[in-house]
Amino acid sequence: MKSTRLRRPLQIGTFFRKESIDVLHQPRLLITLVLGPFLIMAVFAIGYRDTPDPLRTLFVAPAGSPLLTQVESYAKEISFYVEYAGVSSDPADAQRRLLNDDIDLIVAFPDDPLGTVLKNEQPVIQVVHTRLDPIERTAITFASQIAVDKINGQVLAAVITNGKALAKPAVEVLQTATNSLTELDKAIDTGDPAQVEKAIADVQAATGDVSVTATLDSALTNQLADASSNNPAVATASQSVTQLQAAVQNLNPTSTAADVAQARAAIDRIRTDYEKFSAVKPEILVRPFGREVVLAVGGADNVTDWYAPAAIVLMLQQFGVAFGALSFVRERQLGIVEVFRVAPISATETLVGKYLAYLAIGGAIGAILTSLVVLTLGVPIATGVADVAIAMGLSLFASIGIGFVISLASRTDAQAVQYTMILLLASLFFSGFFLSVGQMEGVGRWASFLLPVTYGMQLLRDGMLRGAELDRGVMLQLLAYGVVMFTFAWLGTRRRLAVAR
C-alpha cells in the first residue's frame, strides 16, 4: 500500500531529475538561451537610427515659374527631411530618374497656381515617390505637409510684409484717387491753372496711396506666377500700377480730359483687380497650396501588400533552416550515422540529395503560399513567375545551407531548435521585415547582411510590388552567400562521415 502511494511521486521526481540533468549538461544551450536574445536586442538598440536619411528630392515646375528660383530656399527649410537634388521643367525626365532610383522624391508644382487660387481652389503640390514601406510612406506624408506649410508660410510672409505698408483701407484709397481725378476734370474745364496744379498735386498724393495698396495684389501675384506670362491676372497686377504712375506723371497744367481718362482707367483696373482678390476665400489666401502624395507604383496601397512578400521569404528561410538544422542531428540520434560507415556514399552525394529534397518541398510550399496571398489577399504580382521563382530559389538555397551548418554544429535537437529560433528573432529585427534596412547602421547593418532573408525580401518585394527587374548585384550576393554555406556544410559533412568511418 505504501509503495503504491509513493510510485507516482517517484516517477514524477525521476523525470524531473532526468530533464534537469539533461538541461544542465548543455551549458552552451543555457548560455544561448540567456545571451542570444540579449545580444540581438543590444545590437538592435545600437544599430537602429530614429532619424531617416534625407530623401534626394527633385523639384519640378513649368519653365519660367518663379517657384523654380525659390525651391532651394524651401529645401533648406526642411533639410532634415530632403536633400536638394536640383530643379527641372521636364516631368517625364523626372519620372524616369525616380524609377531608375537616381532620386527618391519628386515635388511637382502646379502649372498655374495663381489662376487656380483666383478660382477659389487650392493649387496642389504633388509629391511622388516609390517607397513601399508603410513607415516610410507615413514619414513622407508627414514631411510633405511640413514642406507645404513652409511654402505657404513664405508666400503668406511676402504678402503680409508688403501688406503692412497699407496706410489706409483700400476702398477709401481708391475712392479718394477717383475723387481727385474728378476734381482735376473740373479744374481743366474751368481753365484755372492754379486749380489745375492743386488738383494734380491731390491726384499725385492719392495715386501714391493707390500704389502702396496695390502692392498687396502684386506680392501674391509675383509669388504664384511668372511676370512675363500672358496671364491676364498677372498683367493687371503688375502693369496697372505702372500705367497709373506713368499717366499721373504726364499730368501738367496743359493736360486734357483724355489724359485724366487714362489715369482713371488705370485706377478702374486696379479696383477690379482688388475686388477679384478680395473675393478669394481667406483660407485660400492664407494657405494657397494644398498637397497630394502619390505612389508612383500603382496597386500596392495596402499594408498587407508590403508585408506579404516579406512573410513568404521569411517562411521559406525558416523552413530551410529548421529542416536543415534537424537533419544531421536527427540522424545522429537515431544511429543512422553508423550505417554510413559501410555505405558507399560521399559527402557530396549526401548533401546534394538533401538540398534537392528541401528545395523541391520548399519551392512547392512557396508557390502555394504565393498563390494564396495573390488570389485571396489581392497582393499584386507585377513581375513574371520566373523572377519570383528565382528569388525564392536563391533564398531557399542559402537558408538550407545555414540549417545544415547549424545541424553540424549542434549536439542535440534542442540546441538546433534554439539556434533556429535565434535566427528567426534576428531576421524579424534586422532583415527589413518591420523596419527598413536603411535605418540600420554600424553593427545593425552588418547583422542584416548576414541574413539571407534580407536579400530575398528585397528581390521579392521589388519584383512583386514594383515590377522591377531582379537586381543582379543582390542576386549575386545571395548566390555567393548560398555557395559559402554549401561549402561549410560540405566540409562539415565530410568530416562527420570521416569520423564515422
Protein backbone atom coordinates (compact mmCIF):
# COMPACT_ATOMS: atom_id res chain seq x y z
CA MET A 1 0.00 0.00 0.00
CA LYS A 2 2.86 2.31 0.92
CA SER A 3 4.70 1.62 -2.31
CA THR A 4 1.55 2.37 -4.28
CA ARG A 5 1.30 5.79 -2.68
CA LEU A 6 4.91 6.68 -3.49
CA ARG A 7 5.02 5.28 -7.04
CA ARG A 8 3.54 8.30 -8.82
CA PRO A 9 5.63 10.94 -6.93
CA LEU A 10 8.77 8.85 -7.54
CA GLN A 11 8.02 8.67 -11.28
CA ILE A 12 7.46 12.41 -11.43
CA GLY A 13 10.67 13.01 -9.49
CA THR A 14 12.59 10.68 -11.80
CA PHE A 15 11.51 12.54 -14.91
CA PHE A 16 12.15 15.84 -13.16
CA ARG A 17 15.72 14.72 -12.32
CA LYS A 18 16.32 13.37 -15.84
CA GLU A 19 15.16 16.53 -17.63
CA SER A 20 17.01 18.77 -15.18
CA ILE A 21 20.27 16.87 -15.67
CA ASP A 22 19.81 16.89 -19.44
CA VAL A 23 19.43 20.66 -19.44
CA LEU A 24 22.27 21.26 -17.01
CA HIS A 25 24.54 19.09 -19.12
CA GLN A 26 24.07 21.53 -22.03
CA PRO A 27 25.84 24.69 -20.87
CA ARG A 28 26.03 26.07 -24.42
CA LEU A 29 22.27 25.84 -24.72
CA LEU A 30 21.79 27.67 -21.42
CA ILE A 31 24.22 30.39 -22.45
CA THR A 32 22.45 30.71 -25.80
CA LEU A 33 19.06 31.00 -24.10
CA VAL A 34 20.29 33.87 -21.95
CA LEU A 35 22.80 35.70 -24.11
CA GLY A 36 21.26 35.13 -27.54
CA PRO A 37 18.13 37.31 -27.19
CA PHE A 38 20.08 39.84 -25.14
CA LEU A 39 22.77 40.25 -27.77
CA ILE A 40 20.18 40.63 -30.52
CA MET A 41 18.36 43.33 -28.59
CA ALA A 42 21.65 45.05 -27.78
CA VAL A 43 22.75 45.07 -31.41
CA PHE A 44 19.33 46.37 -32.44
CA ALA A 45 19.49 49.17 -29.87
CA ILE A 46 22.98 50.16 -31.05
CA GLY A 47 22.27 49.89 -34.76
CA TYR A 48 18.78 51.43 -35.06
CA ARG A 49 18.55 55.07 -36.13
CA ASP A 50 15.39 57.06 -35.44
CA THR A 51 16.43 59.75 -37.92
CA PRO A 52 15.92 58.68 -41.55
CA ASP A 53 18.30 59.67 -44.32
CA PRO A 54 17.19 62.82 -46.18
CA LEU A 55 15.45 61.95 -49.42
CA ARG A 56 17.06 63.11 -52.67
CA THR A 57 14.40 65.49 -53.93
CA LEU A 58 13.93 66.93 -57.41
CA PHE A 59 11.63 69.94 -57.76
CA VAL A 60 9.57 70.19 -60.94
CA ALA A 61 7.76 73.32 -62.17
CA PRO A 62 6.88 74.86 -65.54
CA ALA A 63 9.62 76.80 -67.28
CA GLY A 64 9.68 80.43 -66.16
CA SER A 65 7.86 79.75 -62.90
CA PRO A 66 9.21 81.91 -60.04
CA LEU A 67 8.92 78.82 -57.85
CA LEU A 68 11.97 77.34 -59.59
CA THR A 69 14.13 80.13 -58.19
CA GLN A 70 12.73 79.71 -54.67
CA VAL A 71 12.77 75.92 -54.19
CA GLU A 72 16.34 75.78 -52.92
CA SER A 73 15.40 78.02 -50.01
CA TYR A 74 12.34 75.82 -49.43
CA ALA A 75 14.61 72.75 -49.37
CA LYS A 76 16.92 74.38 -46.83
CA GLU A 77 13.95 74.97 -44.56
CA ILE A 78 13.24 71.21 -44.44
CA SER A 79 16.78 69.88 -44.91
CA PHE A 80 16.12 67.40 -42.09
CA TYR A 81 13.84 65.52 -44.50
CA VAL A 82 15.09 66.25 -48.00
CA GLU A 83 18.37 66.59 -49.87
CA TYR A 84 18.17 69.17 -52.65
CA ALA A 85 18.72 67.41 -56.00
CA GLY A 86 18.01 70.32 -58.34
CA VAL A 87 15.10 71.61 -60.40
CA SER A 88 13.55 70.51 -63.66
CA SER A 89 10.85 71.56 -66.10
CA ASP A 90 10.54 68.09 -67.65
CA PRO A 91 8.08 65.87 -65.70
CA ALA A 92 8.78 62.83 -67.91
CA ASP A 93 12.53 63.01 -67.28
CA ALA A 94 11.90 63.44 -63.55
CA GLN A 95 9.67 60.34 -63.54
CA ARG A 96 12.36 58.36 -65.36
CA ARG A 97 15.00 59.40 -62.84
CA LEU A 98 12.69 58.45 -59.99
CA LEU A 99 12.02 54.96 -61.35
CA ASN A 100 15.75 54.48 -62.01
CA ASP A 101 16.46 55.32 -58.33
CA ASP A 102 18.53 58.36 -59.29
CA ILE A 103 16.32 60.38 -56.94
CA ASP A 104 13.98 59.45 -54.10
CA LEU A 105 11.28 62.08 -54.40
CA ILE A 106 9.63 64.41 -56.92
CA VAL A 107 7.95 67.61 -55.75
CA ALA A 108 5.86 68.86 -58.67
CA PHE A 109 4.40 72.38 -58.55
CA PRO A 110 1.16 73.17 -60.43
CA ASP A 111 1.19 74.84 -63.83
CA ASP A 112 -0.90 77.91 -63.00
CA PRO A 113 -1.21 78.31 -59.22
CA LEU A 114 -2.40 81.91 -59.47
CA GLY A 115 -5.24 81.02 -61.82
CA THR A 116 -6.31 78.20 -59.51
CA VAL A 117 -6.31 80.50 -56.47
CA LEU A 118 -8.46 83.02 -58.31
CA LYS A 119 -11.00 80.22 -58.84
CA ASN A 120 -11.24 79.80 -55.07
CA GLU A 121 -9.36 76.49 -55.27
CA GLN A 122 -6.07 75.30 -53.81
CA PRO A 123 -3.33 74.51 -56.34
CA VAL A 124 -1.90 71.10 -55.43
CA ILE A 125 1.79 70.40 -54.93
CA GLN A 126 2.26 66.75 -55.88
CA VAL A 127 4.82 64.59 -54.07
CA VAL A 128 5.74 61.42 -56.00
CA HIS A 129 7.85 58.58 -54.59
CA THR A 130 8.47 54.83 -54.92
CA ARG A 131 8.75 53.90 -51.24
CA LEU A 132 6.52 50.94 -50.35
CA ASP A 133 7.39 50.63 -46.66
CA PRO A 134 4.30 51.89 -44.74
CA ILE A 135 6.52 53.57 -42.16
CA GLU A 136 8.49 55.41 -44.84
CA ARG A 137 5.26 56.37 -46.64
CA THR A 138 3.87 57.83 -43.42
CA ALA A 139 7.10 59.77 -42.89
CA ILE A 140 6.96 61.14 -46.46
CA THR A 141 3.34 62.20 -46.00
CA PHE A 142 4.23 63.95 -42.75
CA ALA A 143 7.28 65.65 -44.28
CA SER A 144 5.26 66.79 -47.30
CA GLN A 145 2.74 68.50 -45.05
CA ILE A 146 5.56 70.32 -43.27
CA ALA A 147 7.08 71.32 -46.62
CA VAL A 148 3.80 72.67 -47.98
CA ASP A 149 3.26 74.60 -44.76
CA LYS A 150 6.72 76.11 -45.18
CA ILE A 151 5.94 77.21 -48.73
CA ASN A 152 2.57 78.61 -47.68
CA GLY A 153 4.31 80.41 -44.85
CA GLN A 154 6.78 82.07 -47.21
CA VAL A 155 4.02 83.14 -49.58
CA LEU A 156 1.96 84.49 -46.70
CA ALA A 157 5.00 86.24 -45.22
CA ALA A 158 5.63 88.03 -48.50
CA VAL A 159 2.02 89.13 -48.71
CA ILE A 160 1.82 90.25 -45.09
CA THR A 161 5.16 92.06 -45.21
CA ASN A 162 4.05 94.11 -48.17
CA GLY A 163 0.56 94.47 -46.75
CA LYS A 164 1.93 96.22 -43.66
CA ALA A 165 2.68 99.21 -45.89
CA LEU A 166 -1.03 99.85 -46.32
CA ALA A 167 -1.71 103.10 -44.53
CA LYS A 168 -5.40 103.39 -45.43
CA PRO A 169 -8.20 100.96 -46.30
CA ALA A 170 -8.09 100.03 -49.96
CA VAL A 171 -11.65 101.09 -50.73
CA GLU A 172 -11.05 104.52 -49.18
CA VAL A 173 -7.77 104.98 -51.04
CA LEU A 174 -9.29 104.07 -54.39
CA GLN A 175 -12.29 106.36 -53.80
CA THR A 176 -10.02 109.26 -52.82
CA ALA A 177 -8.00 108.82 -56.03
CA THR A 178 -11.18 108.75 -58.09
CA ASN A 179 -12.49 111.93 -56.41
CA SER A 180 -9.15 113.68 -57.04
CA LEU A 181 -9.38 112.84 -60.74
CA THR A 182 -12.93 114.19 -60.79
CA GLU A 183 -11.72 117.48 -59.25
CA LEU A 184 -8.94 117.60 -61.82
CA ASP A 185 -11.52 117.21 -64.60
CA LYS A 186 -13.47 120.16 -63.18
CA ALA A 187 -10.33 122.28 -62.88
CA ILE A 188 -9.42 121.55 -66.51
CA ASP A 189 -12.95 122.55 -67.57
CA THR A 190 -12.69 125.87 -65.76
CA GLY A 191 -9.26 126.56 -67.25
CA ASP A 192 -7.86 127.90 -63.97
CA PRO A 193 -4.10 126.98 -63.90
CA ALA A 194 -3.91 127.32 -60.10
CA GLN A 195 -6.81 124.95 -59.57
CA VAL A 196 -5.35 122.52 -62.11
CA GLU A 197 -1.97 122.46 -60.32
CA LYS A 198 -3.67 121.95 -56.95
CA ALA A 199 -5.82 119.17 -58.36
CA ILE A 200 -2.75 117.50 -59.96
CA ALA A 201 -0.98 117.58 -56.56
CA ASP A 202 -4.02 115.96 -54.92
CA VAL A 203 -4.11 113.31 -57.65
CA GLN A 204 -0.42 112.52 -57.21
CA ALA A 205 -0.83 112.15 -53.45
CA ALA A 206 -3.89 109.95 -53.83
CA THR A 207 -2.33 107.74 -56.54
CA GLY A 208 0.72 107.26 -54.30
CA ASP A 209 -1.56 105.66 -51.73
CA VAL A 210 -3.09 103.55 -54.51
CA SER A 211 0.35 102.31 -55.49
CA VAL A 212 1.01 101.15 -51.93
CA THR A 213 -2.39 99.48 -51.72
CA ALA A 214 -1.84 97.61 -54.98
CA THR A 215 1.34 96.11 -53.52
CA LEU A 216 -0.84 93.53 -51.75
CA ASP A 217 -2.05 92.18 -55.09
CA SER A 218 1.35 92.29 -56.78
CA ALA A 219 3.04 90.48 -53.85
CA LEU A 220 0.74 87.48 -54.20
CA THR A 221 0.99 87.61 -57.99
CA ASN A 222 4.78 87.59 -58.01
CA GLN A 223 4.84 84.59 -55.67
CA LEU A 224 2.49 82.45 -57.80
CA ALA A 225 3.05 83.36 -61.45
CA ASP A 226 5.66 84.42 -63.95
CA ALA A 227 5.55 88.17 -64.53
CA SER A 228 6.38 87.66 -68.21
CA SER A 229 3.46 85.28 -68.81
CA ASN A 230 0.27 86.10 -70.68
CA ASN A 231 -1.88 85.52 -67.60
CA PRO A 232 -4.36 88.45 -67.52
CA ALA A 233 -4.25 88.50 -63.73
CA VAL A 234 -0.51 88.96 -63.87
CA ALA A 235 -0.84 91.75 -66.42
CA THR A 236 -3.44 93.51 -64.30
CA ALA A 237 -1.48 93.26 -61.09
CA SER A 238 1.95 94.12 -62.44
CA GLN A 239 1.10 96.67 -65.12
CA SER A 240 -1.85 98.68 -63.79
CA VAL A 241 0.19 100.47 -61.13
CA THR A 242 2.92 101.26 -63.66
CA GLN A 243 0.36 102.59 -66.12
CA LEU A 244 -1.25 104.73 -63.39
CA GLN A 245 2.09 106.18 -62.31
CA ALA A 246 3.02 106.98 -65.91
CA ALA A 247 -0.35 108.64 -66.57
CA VAL A 248 -0.09 110.76 -63.40
CA GLN A 249 3.50 111.82 -64.18
CA ASN A 250 2.33 113.08 -67.57
CA LEU A 251 -0.27 115.36 -65.98
CA ASN A 252 0.50 119.07 -66.18
CA PRO A 253 -1.44 122.36 -66.39
CA THR A 254 -1.90 121.79 -70.15
CA SER A 255 -3.31 118.27 -69.76
CA THR A 256 -6.65 117.44 -71.32
CA ALA A 257 -9.60 115.36 -70.22
CA ALA A 258 -8.16 112.47 -72.30
CA ASP A 259 -5.03 112.43 -70.11
CA VAL A 260 -7.20 112.26 -66.99
CA ALA A 261 -9.22 109.43 -68.57
CA GLN A 262 -6.03 107.33 -68.89
CA ALA A 263 -5.32 107.68 -65.16
CA ARG A 264 -8.98 106.94 -64.35
CA ALA A 265 -8.86 103.77 -66.50
CA ALA A 266 -5.77 102.57 -64.64
CA ILE A 267 -7.49 103.11 -61.28
CA ASP A 268 -10.56 101.25 -62.52
CA ARG A 269 -8.36 98.29 -63.48
CA ILE A 270 -6.72 98.34 -60.04
CA ARG A 271 -10.16 98.46 -58.38
CA THR A 272 -11.33 95.48 -60.46
CA ASP A 273 -8.16 93.57 -59.61
CA TYR A 274 -8.56 94.36 -55.91
CA GLU A 275 -12.18 93.22 -55.91
CA LYS A 276 -11.12 89.99 -57.59
CA PHE A 277 -8.53 89.24 -54.92
CA SER A 278 -10.78 90.34 -52.08
CA ALA A 279 -13.36 87.81 -53.29
CA VAL A 280 -10.92 84.91 -52.72
CA LYS A 281 -11.64 82.96 -49.55
CA PRO A 282 -9.31 83.89 -46.68
CA GLU A 283 -8.28 80.27 -46.12
CA ILE A 284 -7.11 80.09 -49.74
CA LEU A 285 -5.08 83.29 -49.41
CA VAL A 286 -3.50 82.16 -46.15
CA ARG A 287 -2.72 78.63 -47.43
CA PRO A 288 -2.67 78.87 -51.22
CA PHE A 289 -1.09 75.41 -51.70
CA GLY A 290 -2.56 72.04 -50.89
CA ARG A 291 -0.74 68.69 -51.14
CA GLU A 292 -1.16 65.30 -52.70
CA VAL A 293 1.16 62.34 -52.06
CA VAL A 294 1.14 59.85 -54.93
CA LEU A 295 2.72 56.40 -55.06
CA ALA A 296 4.37 56.02 -58.46
CA VAL A 297 3.81 52.25 -58.27
CA GLY A 298 0.11 51.52 -58.56
CA GLY A 299 -1.76 48.64 -56.95
CA ALA A 300 0.38 48.34 -53.79
CA ASP A 301 -1.52 50.58 -51.41
CA ASN A 302 -2.33 48.17 -48.57
CA VAL A 303 -0.06 47.35 -45.65
CA THR A 304 -0.64 43.68 -46.47
CA ASP A 305 0.97 44.21 -49.85
CA TRP A 306 4.20 45.33 -48.19
CA TYR A 307 4.43 42.51 -45.64
CA ALA A 308 3.19 39.58 -47.75
CA PRO A 309 6.38 39.09 -49.85
CA ALA A 310 8.50 39.50 -46.72
CA ALA A 311 6.44 36.90 -44.88
CA ILE A 312 6.83 34.46 -47.77
CA VAL A 313 10.61 34.81 -47.81
CA LEU A 314 10.79 34.62 -44.00
CA MET A 315 8.75 31.43 -44.02
CA LEU A 316 10.96 29.91 -46.73
CA GLN A 317 14.08 30.79 -44.76
CA GLN A 318 12.74 29.20 -41.58
CA PHE A 319 11.63 26.12 -43.49
CA GLY A 320 15.11 25.63 -44.94
CA VAL A 321 16.87 26.44 -41.67
CA ALA A 322 14.60 24.30 -39.49
CA PHE A 323 14.67 21.17 -41.63
CA GLY A 324 18.36 21.56 -42.37
CA ALA A 325 19.15 22.15 -38.69
CA LEU A 326 17.42 18.93 -37.58
CA SER A 327 18.70 16.79 -40.42
CA PHE A 328 22.11 15.61 -39.19
CA VAL A 329 21.15 15.87 -35.50
CA ARG A 330 18.20 13.54 -36.01
CA GLU A 331 20.28 11.06 -37.98
CA ARG A 332 22.98 11.01 -35.32
CA GLN A 333 20.44 10.50 -32.53
CA LEU A 334 18.74 7.66 -34.43
CA GLY A 335 22.08 5.98 -35.09
CA ILE A 336 21.82 6.29 -38.84
CA VAL A 337 25.31 7.75 -39.00
CA GLU A 338 26.65 4.34 -38.00
CA VAL A 339 25.22 2.93 -41.21
CA PHE A 340 27.31 5.39 -43.20
CA ARG A 341 30.41 3.51 -42.09
CA VAL A 342 29.72 0.74 -44.59
CA ALA A 343 27.59 2.66 -47.12
CA PRO A 344 29.33 3.62 -50.39
CA ILE A 345 28.37 7.31 -50.25
CA SER A 346 30.29 10.58 -50.08
CA ALA A 347 29.62 13.96 -48.50
CA THR A 348 28.74 15.47 -51.90
CA GLU A 349 26.06 12.87 -52.64
CA THR A 350 24.59 13.19 -49.18
CA LEU A 351 24.47 16.98 -49.25
CA VAL A 352 23.19 17.37 -52.82
CA GLY A 353 20.40 14.87 -52.22
CA LYS A 354 19.28 16.74 -49.12
CA TYR A 355 19.47 20.08 -50.91
CA LEU A 356 17.32 18.86 -53.79
CA ALA A 357 14.69 17.42 -51.49
CA TYR A 358 14.35 20.57 -49.43
CA LEU A 359 14.42 22.83 -52.49
CA ALA A 360 11.62 20.85 -54.09
CA ILE A 361 9.42 20.80 -50.99
CA GLY A 362 10.17 24.41 -50.09
CA GLY A 363 9.55 25.57 -53.64
CA ALA A 364 6.14 23.86 -53.66
CA ILE A 365 5.22 25.46 -50.34
CA GLY A 366 6.36 28.87 -51.57
CA ALA A 367 4.31 28.54 -54.75
CA ILE A 368 1.19 27.58 -52.82
CA LEU A 369 1.64 30.40 -50.31
CA THR A 370 2.27 32.97 -53.04
CA SER A 371 -0.85 31.85 -54.90
CA LEU A 372 -2.91 32.21 -51.73
CA VAL A 373 -1.75 35.74 -50.93
CA VAL A 374 -2.20 36.86 -54.53
CA LEU A 375 -5.61 35.28 -55.10
CA THR A 376 -7.07 35.65 -51.61
CA LEU A 377 -5.50 38.82 -50.21
CA GLY A 378 -5.18 40.62 -53.55
CA VAL A 379 -1.44 41.19 -53.22
CA PRO A 380 -0.12 42.40 -56.62
CA ILE A 381 2.44 40.43 -58.56
CA ALA A 382 3.83 42.88 -61.08
CA THR A 383 6.71 40.74 -62.31
CA GLY A 384 6.96 37.39 -64.08
CA VAL A 385 6.69 33.99 -62.42
CA ALA A 386 10.30 33.24 -63.35
CA ASP A 387 11.60 36.21 -61.35
CA VAL A 388 9.55 35.16 -58.32
CA ALA A 389 10.86 31.59 -58.63
CA ILE A 390 14.47 32.79 -58.86
CA ALA A 391 14.13 35.00 -55.77
CA MET A 392 12.54 32.15 -53.80
CA GLY A 393 15.02 29.56 -55.05
CA LEU A 394 18.08 31.61 -54.10
CA SER A 395 16.60 32.36 -50.67
CA LEU A 396 15.91 28.67 -50.07
CA PHE A 397 19.37 27.66 -51.28
CA ALA A 398 21.09 29.99 -48.82
CA SER A 399 18.71 29.15 -45.95
CA ILE A 400 19.15 25.38 -46.29
CA GLY A 401 22.90 25.87 -46.11
CA ILE A 402 22.55 27.77 -42.83
CA GLY A 403 20.37 24.96 -41.50
CA PHE A 404 22.97 22.32 -42.34
CA VAL A 405 25.72 24.36 -40.70
CA ILE A 406 23.58 24.68 -37.55
CA SER A 407 22.85 20.96 -37.62
CA LEU A 408 26.53 20.03 -37.87
CA ALA A 409 27.39 22.44 -35.03
CA SER A 410 24.61 21.19 -32.72
CA ARG A 411 24.87 18.18 -30.43
CA THR A 412 21.17 17.84 -29.67
CA ASP A 413 17.91 18.72 -31.36
CA ALA A 414 17.20 21.20 -28.55
CA GLN A 415 20.31 23.16 -29.49
CA ALA A 416 19.38 23.08 -33.15
CA VAL A 417 15.88 24.36 -32.43
CA GLN A 418 17.22 27.09 -30.17
CA TYR A 419 19.68 28.30 -32.80
CA THR A 420 16.86 28.30 -35.34
CA MET A 421 14.68 30.45 -33.09
CA ILE A 422 17.54 32.87 -32.50
CA LEU A 423 17.94 33.20 -36.27
CA LEU A 424 14.20 33.86 -36.62
CA LEU A 425 14.34 36.57 -33.96
CA ALA A 426 17.32 38.18 -35.67
CA SER A 427 15.50 38.06 -39.01
CA LEU A 428 12.49 39.88 -37.61
CA PHE A 429 14.68 42.71 -36.30
CA PHE A 430 17.36 43.12 -38.93
CA SER A 431 16.04 41.88 -42.29
CA GLY A 432 13.75 44.82 -43.07
CA PHE A 433 10.58 42.93 -42.18
CA PHE A 434 9.35 45.62 -39.78
CA LEU A 435 11.90 48.39 -40.20
CA SER A 436 13.79 49.40 -43.30
CA VAL A 437 17.38 48.17 -43.52
CA GLY A 438 18.27 51.76 -44.45
CA GLN A 439 17.51 52.75 -40.86
CA MET A 440 20.29 50.47 -39.60
CA GLU A 441 23.90 51.47 -39.27
CA GLY A 442 27.11 50.03 -37.90
CA VAL A 443 26.73 46.60 -36.32
CA GLY A 444 23.00 46.61 -37.07
CA ARG A 445 23.64 46.98 -40.79
CA TRP A 446 26.24 44.19 -40.73
CA ALA A 447 23.79 41.93 -38.91
CA SER A 448 21.29 42.42 -41.73
CA PHE A 449 23.92 41.40 -44.31
CA LEU A 450 24.39 38.06 -42.51
CA LEU A 451 20.75 37.04 -43.08
CA PRO A 452 19.66 35.56 -46.44
CA VAL A 453 16.12 36.78 -45.84
CA THR A 454 17.38 40.38 -46.18
CA TYR A 455 18.36 39.81 -49.81
CA GLY A 456 15.30 37.65 -50.56
CA MET A 457 12.89 40.26 -49.22
CA GLN A 458 14.42 42.97 -51.38
CA LEU A 459 14.23 40.83 -54.52
CA LEU A 460 10.67 39.64 -53.94
CA ARG A 461 9.29 43.00 -52.85
CA ASP A 462 10.82 44.83 -55.81
CA GLY A 463 9.58 42.19 -58.21
CA MET A 464 6.05 41.60 -56.89
CA LEU A 465 5.17 45.15 -55.88
CA ARG A 466 7.18 47.37 -58.25
CA GLY A 467 7.60 45.08 -61.24
CA ALA A 468 11.31 45.90 -61.23
CA GLU A 469 13.86 43.59 -62.76
CA LEU A 470 15.79 41.45 -60.32
CA ASP A 471 18.80 43.34 -59.02
CA ARG A 472 21.79 41.42 -60.36
CA GLY A 473 24.02 42.63 -57.56
CA VAL A 474 21.62 41.37 -54.88
CA MET A 475 21.18 38.08 -56.76
CA LEU A 476 24.94 37.52 -56.91
CA GLN A 477 25.30 38.35 -53.22
CA LEU A 478 22.59 35.85 -52.29
CA LEU A 479 24.06 33.21 -54.58
CA ALA A 480 27.53 33.75 -53.10
CA TYR A 481 26.02 33.50 -49.64
CA GLY A 482 24.46 30.15 -50.53
CA VAL A 483 27.69 28.85 -52.05
CA VAL A 484 29.65 29.76 -48.92
CA MET A 485 27.10 27.98 -46.70
CA PHE A 486 27.16 24.96 -49.01
CA THR A 487 30.96 24.83 -48.72
CA PHE A 488 30.83 24.94 -44.92
CA ALA A 489 28.12 22.27 -44.87
CA TRP A 490 30.10 20.06 -47.26
CA LEU A 491 33.25 20.33 -45.16
CA GLY A 492 31.29 19.51 -42.02
CA THR A 493 29.53 16.56 -43.63
CA ARG A 494 32.81 15.22 -44.96
CA ARG A 495 34.35 15.43 -41.50
CA ARG A 496 31.38 13.66 -39.89
CA LEU A 497 31.49 10.79 -42.40
CA ALA A 498 35.24 10.51 -41.96
CA VAL A 499 34.81 10.26 -38.17
CA ALA A 500 32.02 7.73 -38.58
CA ARG A 501 34.23 5.53 -40.73
